[in-house]
Structures are given as C-alpha cells and as structure tokens.
Amino acid sequence: MIKSELITRLAQEMRLSAQDAKVVVDTIFDEIIKTLSEGGRVELRNFGIFSMRTRKSRMGRNPKTGEQVFVSEKKIPYFKPGKAVVNALNGKK
C-alpha cells in the first residue's frame, strides 16, 4: 500500500473528501517525524512503537575504489511492532 492508497481508503471509510483525508494522513506522518526528530518516541497501542536509534561512527569502504572512508554517527528510525501486528502476521488471533 502506498500513501495515495491509504488516503483513498481513509476517505472511503470515514466518508471524507480526498483532500480532507490527505490532510489527516499528512498531519499524522508530520507529527511522527517531528516527535522522532525531537528525540521522543511514538507509541500506537496494538500497532507498535516508533523510536530513534543511533548508529556509531565507523570505518567503511567505498565499494567502487576499495578505499576506506569514515562514516559518521547517524540517527535512524526504528519500529518495534506491537503484539497485535505480530499475531496478525503469523495468523494468530
């Protein structure tokens, strides 16, 4: 499913216009991104938890030249699925 499909589905389920559904979806995504960028975490009960993890700096390798390069520390988003999601994926109730 892509974002436009999610917007269409939300519009149909909630009887909203496509523009209103787009605003809802964009607002949710923007708030998740904003919270993560501020170092917080987003917990959606029965769905999962979005948080940030830090990858340490390290020495990497340029695959084209084989030259060693320094890769700086960076933050990456992390998602831990909730129990309901894991059960649904594994065919359990």
N, C-alpha and C. Protein backbone atom coordinates (compact mmCIF):
# COMPACT_ATOMS: atom_id res chain seq x y z
N MET A 1 0.85 -1.17 0.00
CA MET A 1 0.00 0.00 0.00
C MET A 1 0.90 1.23 0.00
N ILE A 2 0.53 2.17 -0.84
CA ILE A 2 1.27 3.43 -0.88
C ILE A 2 0.39 4.53 -0.26
N LYS A 3 1.00 5.68 -0.07
CA LYS A 3 0.32 6.78 0.63
C LYS A 3 -1.01 7.15 -0.03
N SER A 4 -1.03 7.23 -1.35
CA SER A 4 -2.27 7.62 -2.04
C SER A 4 -3.38 6.59 -1.83
N GLU A 5 -3.01 5.31 -1.76
CA GLU A 5 -4.00 4.26 -1.48
C GLU A 5 -4.54 4.39 -0.06
N LEU A 6 -3.66 4.72 0.86
CA LEU A 6 -4.09 4.94 2.24
C LEU A 6 -5.07 6.11 2.32
N ILE A 7 -4.77 7.18 1.62
CA ILE A 7 -5.65 8.35 1.61
C ILE A 7 -7.01 7.98 1.02
N THR A 8 -7.02 7.26 -0.09
CA THR A 8 -8.28 6.84 -0.72
C THR A 8 -9.10 5.95 0.21
N ARG A 9 -8.43 5.01 0.85
CA ARG A 9 -9.12 4.09 1.77
C ARG A 9 -9.71 4.84 2.95
N LEU A 10 -8.95 5.78 3.53
CA LEU A 10 -9.44 6.59 4.64
C LEU A 10 -10.64 7.43 4.22
N ALA A 11 -10.56 8.02 3.04
CA ALA A 11 -11.67 8.83 2.54
C ALA A 11 -12.94 8.00 2.39
N GLN A 12 -12.80 6.78 1.91
CA GLN A 12 -13.96 5.91 1.73
C GLN A 12 -14.53 5.46 3.07
N GLU A 13 -13.67 5.03 3.98
CA GLU A 13 -14.11 4.52 5.28
C GLU A 13 -14.77 5.59 6.14
N MET A 14 -14.21 6.78 6.12
CA MET A 14 -14.69 7.85 7.00
C MET A 14 -15.62 8.82 6.27
N ARG A 15 -15.88 8.54 5.00
CA ARG A 15 -16.74 9.42 4.19
C ARG A 15 -16.23 10.86 4.21
N LEU A 16 -14.95 10.98 3.92
CA LEU A 16 -14.29 12.28 3.84
C LEU A 16 -13.97 12.57 2.38
N SER A 17 -13.70 13.83 2.10
CA SER A 17 -13.19 14.15 0.77
C SER A 17 -11.74 13.68 0.72
N ALA A 18 -11.25 13.47 -0.47
CA ALA A 18 -9.86 13.04 -0.62
C ALA A 18 -8.90 14.08 -0.05
N GLN A 19 -9.23 15.35 -0.19
CA GLN A 19 -8.37 16.42 0.33
C GLN A 19 -8.33 16.38 1.86
N ASP A 20 -9.48 16.16 2.50
CA ASP A 20 -9.51 16.08 3.96
C ASP A 20 -8.75 14.86 4.47
N ALA A 21 -8.89 13.76 3.77
CA ALA A 21 -8.17 12.54 4.15
C ALA A 21 -6.66 12.75 4.00
N LYS A 22 -6.26 13.46 2.95
CA LYS A 22 -4.84 13.76 2.74
C LYS A 22 -4.29 14.60 3.88
N VAL A 23 -5.06 15.57 4.34
CA VAL A 23 -4.63 16.41 5.46
C VAL A 23 -4.45 15.57 6.72
N VAL A 24 -5.37 14.64 6.96
CA VAL A 24 -5.28 13.76 8.13
C VAL A 24 -4.01 12.91 8.07
N VAL A 25 -3.78 12.26 6.94
CA VAL A 25 -2.61 11.38 6.79
C VAL A 25 -1.32 12.19 6.90
N ASP A 26 -1.25 13.33 6.22
CA ASP A 26 -0.05 14.17 6.28
C ASP A 26 0.22 14.66 7.70
N THR A 27 -0.83 15.03 8.42
CA THR A 27 -0.67 15.50 9.80
C THR A 27 -0.12 14.40 10.69
N ILE A 28 -0.63 13.20 10.55
CA ILE A 28 -0.15 12.07 11.36
C ILE A 28 1.33 11.81 11.07
N PHE A 29 1.69 11.73 9.79
CA PHE A 29 3.09 11.48 9.42
C PHE A 29 4.00 12.61 9.90
N ASP A 30 3.55 13.86 9.73
CA ASP A 30 4.36 15.01 10.16
C ASP A 30 4.60 14.99 11.66
N GLU A 31 3.58 14.64 12.43
CA GLU A 31 3.73 14.59 13.89
C GLU A 31 4.67 13.47 14.32
N ILE A 32 4.60 12.33 13.65
CA ILE A 32 5.52 11.23 13.96
C ILE A 32 6.96 11.68 13.69
N ILE A 33 7.19 12.29 12.54
CA ILE A 33 8.52 12.75 12.18
C ILE A 33 9.01 13.82 13.14
N LYS A 34 8.15 14.75 13.48
CA LYS A 34 8.52 15.83 14.40
C LYS A 34 8.91 15.26 15.77
N THR A 35 8.12 14.35 16.29
CA THR A 35 8.39 13.76 17.60
C THR A 35 9.71 12.99 17.59
N LEU A 36 9.94 12.21 16.54
CA LEU A 36 11.19 11.46 16.44
C LEU A 36 12.40 12.38 16.32
N SER A 37 12.27 13.45 15.55
CA SER A 37 13.40 14.37 15.38
C SER A 37 13.73 15.12 16.66
N GLU A 38 12.76 15.23 17.56
CA GLU A 38 12.99 15.87 18.86
C GLU A 38 13.50 14.88 19.89
N GLY A 39 13.71 13.63 19.48
CA GLY A 39 14.25 12.62 20.39
C GLY A 39 13.19 11.83 21.13
N GLY A 40 11.93 12.07 20.83
CA GLY A 40 10.84 11.36 21.50
C GLY A 40 10.53 10.04 20.83
N ARG A 41 9.49 9.40 21.31
CA ARG A 41 9.03 8.16 20.71
C ARG A 41 7.53 8.22 20.55
N VAL A 42 7.02 7.48 19.58
CA VAL A 42 5.59 7.46 19.29
C VAL A 42 5.09 6.05 19.54
N GLU A 43 4.15 5.93 20.46
CA GLU A 43 3.61 4.62 20.80
C GLU A 43 2.15 4.56 20.38
N LEU A 44 1.85 3.65 19.47
CA LEU A 44 0.49 3.45 19.00
C LEU A 44 0.04 2.08 19.50
N ARG A 45 -0.81 2.07 20.50
CA ARG A 45 -1.25 0.83 21.14
C ARG A 45 -1.76 -0.16 20.10
N ASN A 46 -1.41 -1.41 20.27
CA ASN A 46 -1.77 -2.52 19.39
C ASN A 46 -1.18 -2.42 17.98
N PHE A 47 -0.38 -1.41 17.72
CA PHE A 47 0.27 -1.31 16.43
C PHE A 47 1.78 -1.40 16.57
N GLY A 48 2.38 -0.50 17.37
CA GLY A 48 3.81 -0.56 17.56
C GLY A 48 4.38 0.74 18.08
N ILE A 49 5.71 0.76 18.19
CA ILE A 49 6.43 1.91 18.73
C ILE A 49 7.46 2.37 17.71
N PHE A 50 7.45 3.66 17.42
CA PHE A 50 8.47 4.29 16.59
C PHE A 50 9.44 4.98 17.53
N SER A 51 10.74 4.76 17.33
CA SER A 51 11.75 5.43 18.14
C SER A 51 12.98 5.66 17.28
N MET A 52 13.99 6.31 17.86
CA MET A 52 15.23 6.59 17.15
C MET A 52 16.35 5.77 17.76
N ARG A 53 17.23 5.30 16.92
CA ARG A 53 18.44 4.60 17.37
C ARG A 53 19.62 5.32 16.74
N THR A 54 20.75 5.23 17.41
CA THR A 54 21.96 5.88 16.92
C THR A 54 22.95 4.82 16.44
N ARG A 55 23.42 4.98 15.23
CA ARG A 55 24.47 4.11 14.70
C ARG A 55 25.80 4.79 14.99
N LYS A 56 26.72 4.07 15.57
CA LYS A 56 28.03 4.61 15.90
C LYS A 56 28.82 4.91 14.63
N SER A 57 29.77 5.83 14.76
CA SER A 57 30.66 6.11 13.64
C SER A 57 31.58 4.91 13.45
N ARG A 58 32.04 4.75 12.20
CA ARG A 58 32.86 3.58 11.89
C ARG A 58 33.66 3.84 10.63
N MET A 59 34.57 2.95 10.37
CA MET A 59 35.31 3.00 9.12
C MET A 59 34.58 2.10 8.12
N GLY A 60 34.25 2.68 6.98
CA GLY A 60 33.58 1.94 5.93
C GLY A 60 34.50 1.78 4.74
N ARG A 61 33.95 1.26 3.65
CA ARG A 61 34.75 1.04 2.46
C ARG A 61 33.96 1.48 1.24
N ASN A 62 34.60 2.24 0.39
CA ASN A 62 33.98 2.64 -0.87
C ASN A 62 33.98 1.40 -1.77
N PRO A 63 32.81 0.88 -2.15
CA PRO A 63 32.78 -0.35 -2.94
C PRO A 63 33.38 -0.21 -4.34
N LYS A 64 33.40 0.99 -4.86
CA LYS A 64 33.92 1.20 -6.21
C LYS A 64 35.45 1.20 -6.24
N THR A 65 36.05 1.88 -5.24
CA THR A 65 37.51 2.02 -5.24
C THR A 65 38.20 1.14 -4.20
N GLY A 66 37.45 0.67 -3.21
CA GLY A 66 38.05 -0.12 -2.14
C GLY A 66 38.69 0.74 -1.06
N GLU A 67 38.66 2.05 -1.25
CA GLU A 67 39.26 2.99 -0.30
C GLU A 67 38.46 3.04 0.99
N GLN A 68 39.18 3.13 2.12
CA GLN A 68 38.49 3.26 3.40
C GLN A 68 38.00 4.69 3.57
N VAL A 69 36.77 4.81 4.10
CA VAL A 69 36.18 6.13 4.35
C VAL A 69 35.57 6.13 5.75
N PHE A 70 35.55 7.30 6.36
CA PHE A 70 34.95 7.45 7.67
C PHE A 70 33.46 7.68 7.52
N VAL A 71 32.66 6.89 8.20
CA VAL A 71 31.20 7.04 8.19
C VAL A 71 30.83 7.60 9.55
N SER A 72 30.27 8.81 9.57
CA SER A 72 29.95 9.46 10.83
C SER A 72 28.73 8.85 11.51
N GLU A 73 28.58 9.17 12.78
CA GLU A 73 27.44 8.71 13.56
C GLU A 73 26.16 9.26 12.95
N LYS A 74 25.10 8.45 12.96
CA LYS A 74 23.82 8.95 12.44
C LYS A 74 22.66 8.31 13.19
N LYS A 75 21.55 8.99 13.14
CA LYS A 75 20.33 8.52 13.79
C LYS A 75 19.44 7.89 12.73
N ILE A 76 18.82 6.76 13.11
CA ILE A 76 17.93 6.07 12.19
C ILE A 76 16.62 5.78 12.91
N PRO A 77 15.50 5.78 12.18
CA PRO A 77 14.23 5.43 12.80
C PRO A 77 14.17 3.93 13.03
N TYR A 78 13.46 3.55 14.08
CA TYR A 78 13.31 2.14 14.43
C TYR A 78 11.84 1.90 14.75
N PHE A 79 11.31 0.78 14.29
CA PHE A 79 9.92 0.42 14.56
C PHE A 79 9.88 -0.94 15.23
N LYS A 80 9.21 -1.01 16.36
CA LYS A 80 9.00 -2.28 17.05
C LYS A 80 7.51 -2.57 16.96
N PRO A 81 7.13 -3.63 16.25
CA PRO A 81 5.71 -3.93 16.08
C PRO A 81 5.06 -4.38 17.39
N GLY A 82 3.79 -4.03 17.53
CA GLY A 82 3.02 -4.44 18.70
C GLY A 82 2.58 -5.89 18.58
N LYS A 83 2.08 -6.41 19.68
CA LYS A 83 1.66 -7.81 19.73
C LYS A 83 0.57 -8.12 18.71
N ALA A 84 -0.39 -7.22 18.53
CA ALA A 84 -1.48 -7.45 17.59
C ALA A 84 -0.95 -7.56 16.16
N VAL A 85 0.04 -6.76 15.80
CA VAL A 85 0.62 -6.81 14.46
C VAL A 85 1.37 -8.12 14.26
N VAL A 86 2.18 -8.50 15.24
CA VAL A 86 2.94 -9.75 15.14
C VAL A 86 1.99 -10.95 15.03
N ASN A 87 0.95 -10.95 15.83
CA ASN A 87 -0.02 -12.06 15.77
C ASN A 87 -0.74 -12.10 14.43
N ALA A 88 -1.12 -10.95 13.90
CA ALA A 88 -1.80 -10.91 12.61
C ALA A 88 -0.89 -11.42 11.48
N LEU A 89 0.38 -11.10 11.55
CA LEU A 89 1.31 -11.55 10.53
C LEU A 89 1.57 -13.06 10.61
N ASN A 90 1.42 -13.61 11.79
CA ASN A 90 1.66 -15.03 11.99
C ASN A 90 0.38 -15.86 12.03
N GLY A 91 -0.75 -15.24 11.67
CA GLY A 91 -2.00 -15.96 11.57
C GLY A 91 -2.64 -16.32 12.89
N LYS A 92 -2.31 -15.62 13.96
CA LYS A 92 -2.90 -15.88 15.27
C LYS A 92 -3.90 -14.78 15.58
N LYS A 93 -4.80 -15.07 16.50
CA LYS A 93 -5.76 -14.05 16.93
C LYS A 93 -5.36 -13.40 18.16
